[in-house]
C-alpha atoms as a PDB file:
ATOM      1  CA  MET A   1     -41.806 -45.155 -45.615  1.00  0.00           C
ATOM      2  CA  GLU A   2     -38.449 -45.750 -44.036  1.00  0.00           C
ATOM      3  CA  ARG A   3     -37.874 -49.375 -43.061  1.00  0.00           C
ATOM      4  CA  GLY A   4     -38.727 -49.965 -39.398  1.00  0.00           C
ATOM      5  CA  ALA A   5     -40.433 -46.581 -38.994  1.00  0.00           C
ATOM      6  CA  ALA A   6     -43.440 -46.894 -36.744  1.00  0.00           C
ATOM      7  CA  ILE A   7     -46.936 -45.598 -37.284  1.00  0.00           C
ATOM      8  CA  ARG A   8     -48.635 -44.033 -34.272  1.00  0.00           C
ATOM      9  CA  VAL A   9     -52.309 -44.946 -33.898  1.00  0.00           C
ATOM     10  CA  ILE A  10     -54.223 -42.345 -31.918  1.00  0.00           C
ATOM     11  CA  ILE A  11     -57.429 -43.862 -30.587  1.00  0.00           C
ATOM     12  CA  THR A  12     -60.475 -41.637 -30.015  1.00  0.00           C
ATOM     13  CA  GLY A  13     -63.338 -44.138 -29.879  1.00  0.00           C
ATOM     14  CA  GLY A  14     -66.309 -43.954 -32.199  1.00  0.00           C
ATOM     15  CA  THR A  15     -68.275 -46.945 -33.440  1.00  0.00           C
ATOM     16  CA  PHE A  16     -64.932 -48.634 -34.136  1.00  0.00           C
ATOM     17  CA  ASP A  17     -64.384 -49.262 -30.413  1.00  0.00           C
ATOM     18  CA  LYS A  18     -67.936 -49.675 -29.137  1.00  0.00           C
ATOM     19  CA  HIS A  19     -68.919 -52.677 -27.008  1.00  0.00           C
ATOM     20  CA  TYR A  20     -72.385 -54.095 -26.584  1.00  0.00           C
ATOM     21  CA  ASP A  21     -73.489 -53.913 -22.957  1.00  0.00           C
ATOM     22  CA  GLU A  22     -75.835 -56.894 -22.508  1.00  0.00           C
ATOM     23  CA  VAL A  23     -77.211 -55.574 -19.217  1.00  0.00           C
ATOM     24  CA  LYS A  24     -78.144 -52.134 -20.562  1.00  0.00           C
ATOM     25  CA  GLY A  25     -78.827 -53.355 -24.086  1.00  0.00           C
ATOM     26  CA  ALA A  26     -76.787 -50.481 -25.482  1.00  0.00           C
ATOM     27  CA  LEU A  27     -73.499 -49.734 -27.191  1.00  0.00           C
ATOM     28  CA  GLY A  28     -70.852 -48.003 -25.080  1.00  0.00           C
ATOM     29  CA  PHE A  29     -67.130 -47.934 -24.369  1.00  0.00           C
ATOM     30  CA  LYS A  30     -65.065 -50.238 -22.218  1.00  0.00           C
ATOM     31  CA  GLU A  31     -61.618 -50.394 -23.830  1.00  0.00           C
ATOM     32  CA  THR A  32     -60.100 -50.213 -27.281  1.00  0.00           C
ATOM     33  CA  HIS A  33     -60.139 -53.171 -29.681  1.00  0.00           C
ATOM     34  CA  LEU A  34     -56.887 -52.128 -31.375  1.00  0.00           C
ATOM     35  CA  PRO A  35     -54.555 -54.648 -29.657  1.00  0.00           C
ATOM     36  CA  GLU A  36     -56.904 -57.462 -30.701  1.00  0.00           C
ATOM     37  CA  ILE A  37     -57.200 -56.078 -34.235  1.00  0.00           C
ATOM     38  CA  LEU A  38     -53.413 -55.874 -34.595  1.00  0.00           C
ATOM     39  CA  THR A  39     -53.073 -59.520 -33.478  1.00  0.00           C
ATOM     40  CA  PHE A  40     -55.936 -60.658 -35.713  1.00  0.00           C
ATOM     41  CA  THR A  41     -54.567 -58.906 -38.818  1.00  0.00           C
ATOM     42  CA  ARG A  42     -50.978 -60.089 -38.301  1.00  0.00           C
ATOM     43  CA  CYS A  43     -49.816 -56.558 -39.124  1.00  0.00           C
ATOM     44  CA  THR A  44     -46.007 -56.456 -39.359  1.00  0.00           C
ATOM     45  CA  VAL A  45     -45.752 -52.666 -39.546  1.00  0.00           C
ATOM     46  CA  PRO A  46     -44.419 -51.339 -36.219  1.00  0.00           C
ATOM     47  CA  ILE A  47     -47.396 -49.704 -34.485  1.00  0.00           C
ATOM     48  CA  GLU A  48     -47.428 -47.471 -31.406  1.00  0.00           C
ATOM     49  CA  LEU A  49     -50.887 -47.273 -29.810  1.00  0.00           C
ATOM     50  CA  GLU A  50     -51.988 -44.161 -27.932  1.00  0.00           C
ATOM     51  CA  LEU A  51     -55.351 -44.026 -26.207  1.00  0.00           C
ATOM     52  CA  ASN A  52     -56.419 -40.396 -26.539  1.00  0.00           C
ATOM     53  CA  GLN A  53     -60.086 -40.685 -25.550  1.00  0.00           C
ATOM     54  CA  LEU A  54     -63.000 -43.098 -25.974  1.00  0.00           C
ATOM     55  CA  ILE A  55     -66.071 -41.103 -27.007  1.00  0.00           C
ATOM     56  CA  ASP A  56     -68.776 -41.128 -29.623  1.00  0.00           C
ATOM     57  CA  SER A  57     -67.875 -38.592 -32.292  1.00  0.00           C
ATOM     58  CA  LEU A  58     -71.256 -36.902 -31.834  1.00  0.00           C
ATOM     59  CA  GLU A  59     -69.976 -35.917 -28.372  1.00  0.00           C
ATOM     60  CA  MET A  60     -66.679 -34.597 -29.725  1.00  0.00           C
ATOM     61  CA  ARG A  61     -66.257 -30.872 -29.152  1.00  0.00           C
ATOM     62  CA  THR A  62     -63.533 -28.357 -29.979  1.00  0.00           C
ATOM     63  CA  ARG A  63     -61.519 -29.283 -26.874  1.00  0.00           C
ATOM     64  CA  ASN A  64     -61.609 -32.977 -27.916  1.00  0.00           C
ATOM     65  CA  ARG A  65     -60.425 -32.128 -31.415  1.00  0.00           C
ATOM     66  CA  LEU A  66     -57.634 -29.961 -30.006  1.00  0.00           C
ATOM     67  CA  GLN A  67     -56.625 -32.914 -27.813  1.00  0.00           C
ATOM     68  CA  VAL A  68     -56.262 -35.031 -30.988  1.00  0.00           C
ATOM     69  CA  LEU A  69     -54.320 -32.223 -32.697  1.00  0.00           C
ATOM     70  CA  GLU A  70     -51.947 -31.939 -29.738  1.00  0.00           C
ATOM     71  CA  ALA A  71     -51.371 -35.712 -29.762  1.00  0.00           C
ATOM     72  CA  CYS A  72     -50.514 -35.537 -33.483  1.00  0.00           C
ATOM     73  CA  ARG A  73     -48.211 -32.558 -32.906  1.00  0.00           C
ATOM     74  CA  ARG A  74     -46.465 -34.302 -29.985  1.00  0.00           C
ATOM     75  CA  ALA A  75     -46.065 -37.690 -31.730  1.00  0.00           C
ATOM     76  CA  PRO A  76     -42.467 -38.502 -32.645  1.00  0.00           C
ATOM     77  CA  GLU A  77     -43.715 -40.468 -35.671  1.00  0.00           C
ATOM     78  CA  ASP A  78     -44.264 -38.753 -39.029  1.00  0.00           C
ATOM     79  CA  ARG A  79     -47.078 -41.148 -39.961  1.00  0.00           C
ATOM     80  CA  ILE A  80     -50.240 -41.315 -37.879  1.00  0.00           C
ATOM     81  CA  VAL A  81     -53.579 -43.127 -38.036  1.00  0.00           C
ATOM     82  CA  VAL A  82     -56.461 -41.687 -35.998  1.00  0.00           C
ATOM     83  CA  THR A  83     -59.414 -43.967 -35.251  1.00  0.00           C
ATOM     84  CA  HIS A  84     -62.498 -41.798 -35.030  1.00  0.00           C
ATOM     85  CA  GLY A  85     -66.279 -41.935 -35.153  1.00  0.00           C
ATOM     86  CA  THR A  86     -67.643 -41.377 -38.629  1.00  0.00           C
ATOM     87  CA  ASP A  87     -70.310 -38.792 -37.755  1.00  0.00           C
ATOM     88  CA  THR A  88     -67.829 -35.946 -37.170  1.00  0.00           C
ATOM     89  CA  MET A  89     -64.639 -37.359 -38.699  1.00  0.00           C
ATOM     90  CA  VAL A  90     -64.639 -34.692 -41.422  1.00  0.00           C
ATOM     91  CA  GLU A  91     -64.768 -31.908 -38.801  1.00  0.00           C
ATOM     92  CA  THR A  92     -61.769 -33.333 -36.920  1.00  0.00           C
ATOM     93  CA  ALA A  93     -59.909 -33.824 -40.210  1.00  0.00           C
ATOM     94  CA  GLU A  94     -60.479 -30.117 -40.934  1.00  0.00           C
ATOM     95  CA  VAL A  95     -58.932 -29.077 -37.594  1.00  0.00           C
ATOM     96  CA  LEU A  96     -55.917 -31.293 -38.297  1.00  0.00           C
ATOM     97  CA  GLY A  97     -55.682 -30.226 -41.941  1.00  0.00           C
ATOM     98  CA  ARG A  98     -55.725 -26.517 -41.143  1.00  0.00           C
ATOM     99  CA  ALA A  99     -52.889 -27.043 -38.649  1.00  0.00           C
ATOM    100  CA  ALA A 100     -50.691 -28.166 -41.586  1.00  0.00           C
ATOM    101  CA  LEU A 101     -48.401 -30.377 -39.514  1.00  0.00           C
ATOM    102  CA  PRO A 102     -45.450 -31.803 -41.487  1.00  0.00           C
ATOM    103  CA  LYS A 103     -46.831 -35.343 -41.087  1.00  0.00           C
ATOM    104  CA  THR A 104     -49.081 -37.825 -42.850  1.00  0.00           C
ATOM    105  CA  ILE A 105     -52.266 -38.228 -40.803  1.00  0.00           C
ATOM    106  CA  VAL A 106     -55.017 -40.648 -41.831  1.00  0.00           C
ATOM    107  CA  LEU A 107     -58.383 -40.778 -40.080  1.00  0.00           C
ATOM    108  CA  THR A 108     -60.537 -43.891 -40.246  1.00  0.00           C
ATOM    109  CA  GLY A 109     -63.492 -45.423 -38.491  1.00  0.00           C
ATOM    110  CA  ALA A 110     -66.278 -47.944 -38.850  1.00  0.00           C
ATOM    111  CA  MET A 111     -69.969 -47.911 -39.598  1.00  0.00           C
ATOM    112  CA  VAL A 112     -70.366 -51.207 -37.669  1.00  0.00           C
ATOM    113  CA  PRO A 113     -68.506 -51.915 -34.370  1.00  0.00           C
ATOM    114  CA  PHE A 114     -65.528 -54.287 -34.548  1.00  0.00           C
ATOM    115  CA  MET A 115     -67.261 -56.769 -32.226  1.00  0.00           C
ATOM    116  CA  VAL A 116     -70.337 -57.039 -34.477  1.00  0.00           C
ATOM    117  CA  THR A 117     -70.511 -59.517 -37.373  1.00  0.00           C
ATOM    118  CA  ASN A 118     -69.731 -57.982 -40.760  1.00  0.00           C
ATOM    119  CA  SER A 119     -67.934 -54.972 -39.277  1.00  0.00           C
ATOM    120  CA  ASP A 120     -65.945 -52.787 -41.647  1.00  0.00           C
ATOM    121  CA  ALA A 121     -63.485 -51.833 -38.865  1.00  0.00           C
ATOM    122  CA  VAL A 122     -60.646 -54.208 -39.819  1.00  0.00           C
ATOM    123  CA  PHE A 123     -60.869 -53.380 -43.525  1.00  0.00           C
ATOM    124  CA  ASN A 124     -60.904 -49.628 -42.901  1.00  0.00           C
ATOM    125  CA  PHE A 125     -58.054 -49.872 -40.392  1.00  0.00           C
ATOM    126  CA  GLY A 126     -55.926 -51.856 -42.863  1.00  0.00           C
ATOM    127  CA  CYS A 127     -56.613 -49.291 -45.579  1.00  0.00           C
ATOM    128  CA  ALA A 128     -55.614 -46.485 -43.196  1.00  0.00           C
ATOM    129  CA  VAL A 129     -52.325 -48.170 -42.217  1.00  0.00           C
ATOM    130  CA  THR A 130     -51.489 -48.608 -45.906  1.00  0.00           C
ATOM    131  CA  ALA A 131     -52.536 -45.032 -46.721  1.00  0.00           C
ATOM    132  CA  ALA A 132     -50.335 -43.704 -43.898  1.00  0.00           C
ATOM    133  CA  GLN A 133     -47.369 -45.388 -45.572  1.00  0.00           C
ATOM    134  CA  LEU A 134     -48.156 -44.276 -49.130  1.00  0.00           C
ATOM    135  CA  CYS A 135     -49.819 -40.862 -48.949  1.00  0.00           C
ATOM    136  CA  ALA A 136     -47.938 -37.583 -49.012  1.00  0.00           C
ATOM    137  CA  GLN A 137     -47.808 -35.291 -45.986  1.00  0.00           C
ATOM    138  CA  GLY A 138     -51.210 -33.931 -45.122  1.00  0.00           C
ATOM    139  CA  VAL A 139     -54.474 -35.132 -43.665  1.00  0.00           C
ATOM    140  CA  TRP A 140     -56.506 -37.894 -45.270  1.00  0.00           C
ATOM    141  CA  ILE A 141     -59.623 -39.938 -44.584  1.00  0.00           C
ATOM    142  CA  ALA A 142     -59.553 -43.664 -45.442  1.00  0.00           C
ATOM    143  CA  MET A 143     -63.030 -45.208 -45.571  1.00  0.00           C
ATOM    144  CA  ASN A 144     -64.861 -47.695 -47.770  1.00  0.00           C
ATOM    145  CA  GLY A 145     -61.685 -48.670 -49.638  1.00  0.00           C
ATOM    146  CA  ARG A 146     -61.015 -45.092 -50.731  1.00  0.00           C
ATOM    147  CA  VAL A 147     -58.664 -42.350 -49.561  1.00  0.00           C
ATOM    148  CA  PHE A 148     -59.725 -38.695 -49.623  1.00  0.00           C
ATOM    149  CA  ARG A 149     -57.994 -35.402 -48.863  1.00  0.00           C
ATOM    150  CA  TRP A 150     -59.440 -33.825 -45.728  1.00  0.00           C
ATOM    151  CA  ASP A 151     -60.965 -30.934 -47.664  1.00  0.00           C
ATOM    152  CA  ALA A 152     -62.398 -32.998 -50.520  1.00  0.00           C
ATOM    153  CA  VAL A 153     -64.635 -35.493 -48.700  1.00  0.00           C
ATOM    154  CA  ARG A 154     -68.062 -35.721 -47.132  1.00  0.00           C
ATOM    155  CA  LYS A 155     -70.064 -38.418 -45.406  1.00  0.00           C
ATOM    156  CA  ASN A 156     -73.151 -39.394 -47.379  1.00  0.00           C
ATOM    157  CA  ARG A 157     -75.480 -40.173 -44.482  1.00  0.00           C
ATOM    158  CA  ASP A 158     -78.179 -41.580 -46.776  1.00  0.00           C
ATOM    159  CA  LEU A 159     -75.842 -44.232 -48.226  1.00  0.00           C
ATOM    160  CA  GLY A 160     -73.571 -44.621 -45.186  1.00  0.00           C
ATOM    161  CA  VAL A 161     -70.371 -44.041 -47.186  1.00  0.00           C
ATOM    162  CA  PHE A 162     -67.712 -41.401 -47.644  1.00  0.00           C
ATOM    163  CA  GLU A 163     -67.486 -39.793 -51.058  1.00  0.00           C
ATOM    164  CA  PRO A 164     -65.899 -36.838 -52.838  1.00  0.00           C
ATOM    165  CA  LYS A 165     -67.280 -33.482 -51.737  1.00  0.00           C
ATOM    166  CA  GLU A 166     -69.097 -31.641 -54.496  1.00  0.00           C
ATOM    167  CA  GLU A 167     -67.601 -28.299 -55.437  1.00  0.00           C
ATOM    168  CA  PRO A 168     -69.899 -25.293 -54.807  1.00  0.00           C
END
């Protein structure tokens, strides 16, 4: 990565950005945690934050995925991290991968919200920022300390991890 080149972080919500609403006793969205995470991690990579949407990935539809694709297409940066819910991250990665933009795009998320003890959000975000700097052009998923090509990954819902997709 060229010295001083920024990474754009496109924020879409997911468990990563969920807040606990004490009145309703439920998880929902209020605002993104990314500014706090960047301060907490002392990240020195120049980061441009872009709030795209704050939704649960189970609610993400084609129009939402196209909104993420358009944000990636429009971004002046060649390296992008997309925070996303884990339930449909692979589907969004497929939309981005098939578009074949001449950029490095890394999707990441969390199984446990940032604001909850023992969250994986900071670890996964750090892995994604590093992957965005080191991976070749294309679309990647960075989860659980691993980086996968968009078309070679699946979420193992039984174990709660991402793993290589088995070939048919």
